[in-house]
Amino acid sequence: MYGYDNYYKEMKNRGADIISIKVGTEEELETLKYWISNNFTKDEIGGIVSFGAGITDAHSITYSNIVNRWGNIANHVMTFVG
């Protein structure tokens, strides 16, 4: 994409709302999966999810590189597109 006109045209293509979905339980994870899959509708268009979490300290990561707890400050972010 080159040129200001193209940039300006696409700048209007933004998300309408920002929502928060808790993912602490299996039921809440199912809600998140439903959002990614089809935006809580029967459409084939899915949602975009930015997932942020924080690793509290070096003890949060086990010897097998598995995070066993998350902190309160997000220092790890992933984006999922449905």
N, C-alpha and C. Protein backbone atom coordinates (compact mmCIF):
# COMPACT_ATOMS: atom_id res chain seq x y z
N MET A 1 0.85 -1.17 0.00
CA MET A 1 0.00 0.00 0.00
C MET A 1 0.90 1.23 0.00
N TYR A 2 0.73 2.07 -1.01
CA TYR A 2 1.55 3.26 -1.14
C TYR A 2 0.67 4.48 -1.25
N GLY A 3 1.16 5.59 -0.76
CA GLY A 3 0.48 6.86 -0.92
C GLY A 3 -0.48 7.17 0.22
N TYR A 4 -0.59 8.47 0.49
CA TYR A 4 -1.42 8.93 1.59
C TYR A 4 -2.89 8.63 1.37
N ASP A 5 -3.36 8.71 0.12
CA ASP A 5 -4.78 8.45 -0.15
C ASP A 5 -5.17 7.04 0.28
N ASN A 6 -4.34 6.05 -0.04
CA ASN A 6 -4.62 4.68 0.40
C ASN A 6 -4.56 4.56 1.91
N TYR A 7 -3.56 5.20 2.50
CA TYR A 7 -3.43 5.17 3.96
C TYR A 7 -4.67 5.78 4.62
N TYR A 8 -5.11 6.94 4.11
CA TYR A 8 -6.25 7.62 4.71
C TYR A 8 -7.52 6.80 4.56
N LYS A 9 -7.71 6.16 3.40
CA LYS A 9 -8.90 5.35 3.16
C LYS A 9 -8.95 4.18 4.16
N GLU A 10 -7.84 3.51 4.38
CA GLU A 10 -7.79 2.36 5.28
C GLU A 10 -7.78 2.76 6.75
N MET A 11 -7.42 3.99 7.04
CA MET A 11 -7.41 4.46 8.42
C MET A 11 -8.82 4.44 9.02
N LYS A 12 -9.83 4.51 8.17
CA LYS A 12 -11.22 4.48 8.63
C LYS A 12 -11.69 3.06 8.94
N ASN A 13 -10.92 2.07 8.62
CA ASN A 13 -11.26 0.66 8.84
C ASN A 13 -10.80 0.27 10.25
N ARG A 14 -11.62 0.52 11.23
CA ARG A 14 -11.26 0.29 12.64
C ARG A 14 -12.32 -0.55 13.33
N GLY A 15 -11.93 -1.11 14.44
CA GLY A 15 -12.90 -1.84 15.26
C GLY A 15 -13.92 -0.91 15.86
N ALA A 16 -15.15 -1.37 15.93
CA ALA A 16 -16.22 -0.54 16.46
C ALA A 16 -16.24 -0.54 17.99
N ASP A 17 -15.94 -1.69 18.59
CA ASP A 17 -16.02 -1.82 20.04
C ASP A 17 -14.82 -2.60 20.57
N ILE A 18 -14.53 -2.37 21.81
CA ILE A 18 -13.54 -3.16 22.53
C ILE A 18 -14.26 -3.79 23.71
N ILE A 19 -14.17 -5.11 23.82
CA ILE A 19 -14.81 -5.80 24.94
C ILE A 19 -13.75 -6.63 25.66
N SER A 20 -14.08 -7.05 26.85
CA SER A 20 -13.19 -7.89 27.65
C SER A 20 -13.91 -9.19 27.95
N ILE A 21 -13.20 -10.30 27.74
CA ILE A 21 -13.75 -11.63 28.03
C ILE A 21 -12.81 -12.32 29.01
N LYS A 22 -13.33 -12.67 30.18
CA LYS A 22 -12.50 -13.38 31.15
C LYS A 22 -12.28 -14.81 30.67
N VAL A 23 -11.12 -15.37 30.99
CA VAL A 23 -10.79 -16.73 30.53
C VAL A 23 -10.27 -17.60 31.68
N GLY A 24 -10.78 -17.38 32.87
CA GLY A 24 -10.30 -18.12 34.03
C GLY A 24 -10.94 -19.49 34.23
N THR A 25 -12.04 -19.77 33.53
CA THR A 25 -12.71 -21.06 33.67
C THR A 25 -12.89 -21.68 32.29
N GLU A 26 -13.25 -22.95 32.28
CA GLU A 26 -13.49 -23.64 31.01
C GLU A 26 -14.65 -23.01 30.25
N GLU A 27 -15.69 -22.61 30.97
CA GLU A 27 -16.84 -21.96 30.34
C GLU A 27 -16.45 -20.63 29.71
N GLU A 28 -15.61 -19.86 30.40
CA GLU A 28 -15.15 -18.59 29.85
C GLU A 28 -14.26 -18.80 28.62
N LEU A 29 -13.45 -19.84 28.62
CA LEU A 29 -12.66 -20.16 27.44
C LEU A 29 -13.54 -20.52 26.24
N GLU A 30 -14.65 -21.23 26.51
CA GLU A 30 -15.59 -21.55 25.44
C GLU A 30 -16.19 -20.27 24.85
N THR A 31 -16.48 -19.30 25.71
CA THR A 31 -16.99 -18.01 25.25
C THR A 31 -15.98 -17.34 24.33
N LEU A 32 -14.71 -17.36 24.73
CA LEU A 32 -13.65 -16.78 23.90
C LEU A 32 -13.55 -17.49 22.56
N LYS A 33 -13.62 -18.81 22.56
CA LYS A 33 -13.55 -19.57 21.31
C LYS A 33 -14.72 -19.21 20.39
N TYR A 34 -15.89 -19.02 20.97
CA TYR A 34 -17.07 -18.65 20.19
C TYR A 34 -16.88 -17.27 19.56
N TRP A 35 -16.28 -16.35 20.30
CA TRP A 35 -16.01 -15.01 19.77
C TRP A 35 -15.02 -15.09 18.61
N ILE A 36 -13.95 -15.84 18.77
CA ILE A 36 -12.95 -15.95 17.71
C ILE A 36 -13.59 -16.60 16.47
N SER A 37 -14.42 -17.59 16.70
CA SER A 37 -15.03 -18.33 15.60
C SER A 37 -16.01 -17.51 14.78
N ASN A 38 -16.91 -16.77 15.46
CA ASN A 38 -17.95 -16.08 14.68
C ASN A 38 -18.54 -14.84 15.34
N ASN A 39 -17.82 -14.18 16.19
CA ASN A 39 -18.28 -12.90 16.77
C ASN A 39 -19.61 -12.99 17.51
N PHE A 40 -19.89 -14.10 18.17
CA PHE A 40 -21.15 -14.32 18.89
C PHE A 40 -22.37 -14.33 17.97
N THR A 41 -22.17 -14.56 16.68
CA THR A 41 -23.28 -14.62 15.73
C THR A 41 -23.16 -15.91 14.93
N LYS A 42 -24.02 -16.09 13.99
CA LYS A 42 -23.95 -17.27 13.11
C LYS A 42 -23.14 -16.96 11.85
N ASP A 43 -22.52 -15.78 11.77
CA ASP A 43 -21.74 -15.41 10.61
C ASP A 43 -20.47 -16.24 10.51
N GLU A 44 -19.89 -16.22 9.33
CA GLU A 44 -18.62 -16.91 9.13
C GLU A 44 -17.45 -16.00 9.46
N ILE A 45 -17.73 -14.75 9.79
CA ILE A 45 -16.68 -13.79 10.11
C ILE A 45 -16.37 -13.88 11.59
N GLY A 46 -15.11 -14.11 11.90
CA GLY A 46 -14.71 -14.25 13.30
C GLY A 46 -14.23 -12.95 13.90
N GLY A 47 -13.82 -13.03 15.14
CA GLY A 47 -13.34 -11.87 15.86
C GLY A 47 -11.83 -11.80 15.91
N ILE A 48 -11.31 -10.68 16.35
CA ILE A 48 -9.89 -10.48 16.58
C ILE A 48 -9.71 -10.35 18.08
N VAL A 49 -8.78 -11.12 18.63
CA VAL A 49 -8.55 -11.13 20.07
C VAL A 49 -7.10 -10.79 20.35
N SER A 50 -6.88 -9.82 21.21
CA SER A 50 -5.54 -9.55 21.74
C SER A 50 -5.52 -10.09 23.16
N PHE A 51 -4.66 -11.03 23.40
CA PHE A 51 -4.56 -11.68 24.70
C PHE A 51 -3.29 -11.19 25.37
N GLY A 52 -3.44 -10.59 26.55
CA GLY A 52 -2.29 -10.09 27.28
C GLY A 52 -2.19 -10.74 28.64
N ALA A 53 -1.00 -11.12 29.01
CA ALA A 53 -0.76 -11.73 30.32
C ALA A 53 0.64 -11.34 30.78
N GLY A 54 0.89 -11.54 32.05
CA GLY A 54 2.19 -11.19 32.58
C GLY A 54 2.85 -12.32 33.33
N ILE A 55 4.13 -12.48 33.11
CA ILE A 55 4.91 -13.44 33.88
C ILE A 55 5.46 -12.69 35.09
N THR A 56 5.14 -13.17 36.27
CA THR A 56 5.47 -12.43 37.49
C THR A 56 6.97 -12.43 37.78
N ASP A 57 7.60 -13.57 37.64
CA ASP A 57 9.03 -13.66 37.94
C ASP A 57 9.59 -14.94 37.32
N ALA A 58 10.84 -15.19 37.53
CA ALA A 58 11.48 -16.37 36.95
C ALA A 58 10.87 -17.67 37.46
N HIS A 59 10.27 -17.66 38.63
CA HIS A 59 9.67 -18.87 39.20
C HIS A 59 8.34 -19.22 38.53
N SER A 60 7.84 -18.33 37.66
CA SER A 60 6.59 -18.60 36.95
C SER A 60 6.80 -19.62 35.83
N ILE A 61 8.06 -19.77 35.40
CA ILE A 61 8.36 -20.70 34.32
C ILE A 61 9.05 -21.92 34.91
N THR A 62 8.53 -23.10 34.61
CA THR A 62 9.09 -24.33 35.15
C THR A 62 10.29 -24.76 34.33
N TYR A 63 10.94 -25.79 34.74
CA TYR A 63 12.13 -26.29 34.05
C TYR A 63 11.82 -26.75 32.63
N SER A 64 10.57 -27.05 32.33
CA SER A 64 10.20 -27.49 30.98
C SER A 64 9.62 -26.33 30.15
N ASN A 65 9.88 -25.08 30.57
CA ASN A 65 9.44 -23.87 29.88
C ASN A 65 7.93 -23.74 29.79
N ILE A 66 7.22 -24.20 30.79
CA ILE A 66 5.78 -24.06 30.88
C ILE A 66 5.46 -22.97 31.90
N VAL A 67 4.66 -22.00 31.50
CA VAL A 67 4.25 -20.94 32.42
C VAL A 67 3.20 -21.52 33.35
N ASN A 68 3.46 -21.48 34.66
CA ASN A 68 2.51 -22.07 35.60
C ASN A 68 1.68 -21.04 36.35
N ARG A 69 1.94 -19.76 36.15
CA ARG A 69 1.08 -18.72 36.71
C ARG A 69 1.37 -17.40 35.99
N TRP A 70 0.35 -16.54 35.93
CA TRP A 70 0.46 -15.25 35.27
C TRP A 70 0.39 -14.14 36.30
N GLY A 71 1.02 -13.04 36.02
CA GLY A 71 1.01 -11.90 36.91
C GLY A 71 -0.08 -10.91 36.54
N ASN A 72 -0.06 -9.75 37.17
CA ASN A 72 -1.08 -8.73 36.95
C ASN A 72 -0.73 -7.74 35.85
N ILE A 73 0.55 -7.61 35.53
CA ILE A 73 0.99 -6.66 34.50
C ILE A 73 1.25 -7.43 33.21
N ALA A 74 0.62 -7.00 32.12
CA ALA A 74 0.77 -7.71 30.84
C ALA A 74 2.12 -7.39 30.22
N ASN A 75 2.98 -8.39 30.14
CA ASN A 75 4.25 -8.24 29.45
C ASN A 75 4.42 -9.31 28.36
N HIS A 76 3.34 -9.99 28.04
CA HIS A 76 3.32 -10.98 26.98
C HIS A 76 1.97 -10.85 26.27
N VAL A 77 1.99 -10.55 24.98
CA VAL A 77 0.75 -10.30 24.24
C VAL A 77 0.74 -11.15 22.97
N MET A 78 -0.42 -11.73 22.67
CA MET A 78 -0.62 -12.48 21.43
C MET A 78 -1.91 -12.00 20.79
N THR A 79 -2.00 -12.08 19.46
CA THR A 79 -3.22 -11.72 18.75
C THR A 79 -3.71 -12.94 17.99
N PHE A 80 -4.99 -13.21 18.10
CA PHE A 80 -5.65 -14.31 17.41
C PHE A 80 -6.69 -13.73 16.46
N VAL A 81 -6.73 -14.22 15.24
CA VAL A 81 -7.69 -13.73 14.25
C VAL A 81 -8.57 -14.88 13.82
N GLY A 82 -9.90 -14.72 13.93
CA GLY A 82 -10.83 -15.76 13.57
C GLY A 82 -11.41 -15.59 12.20
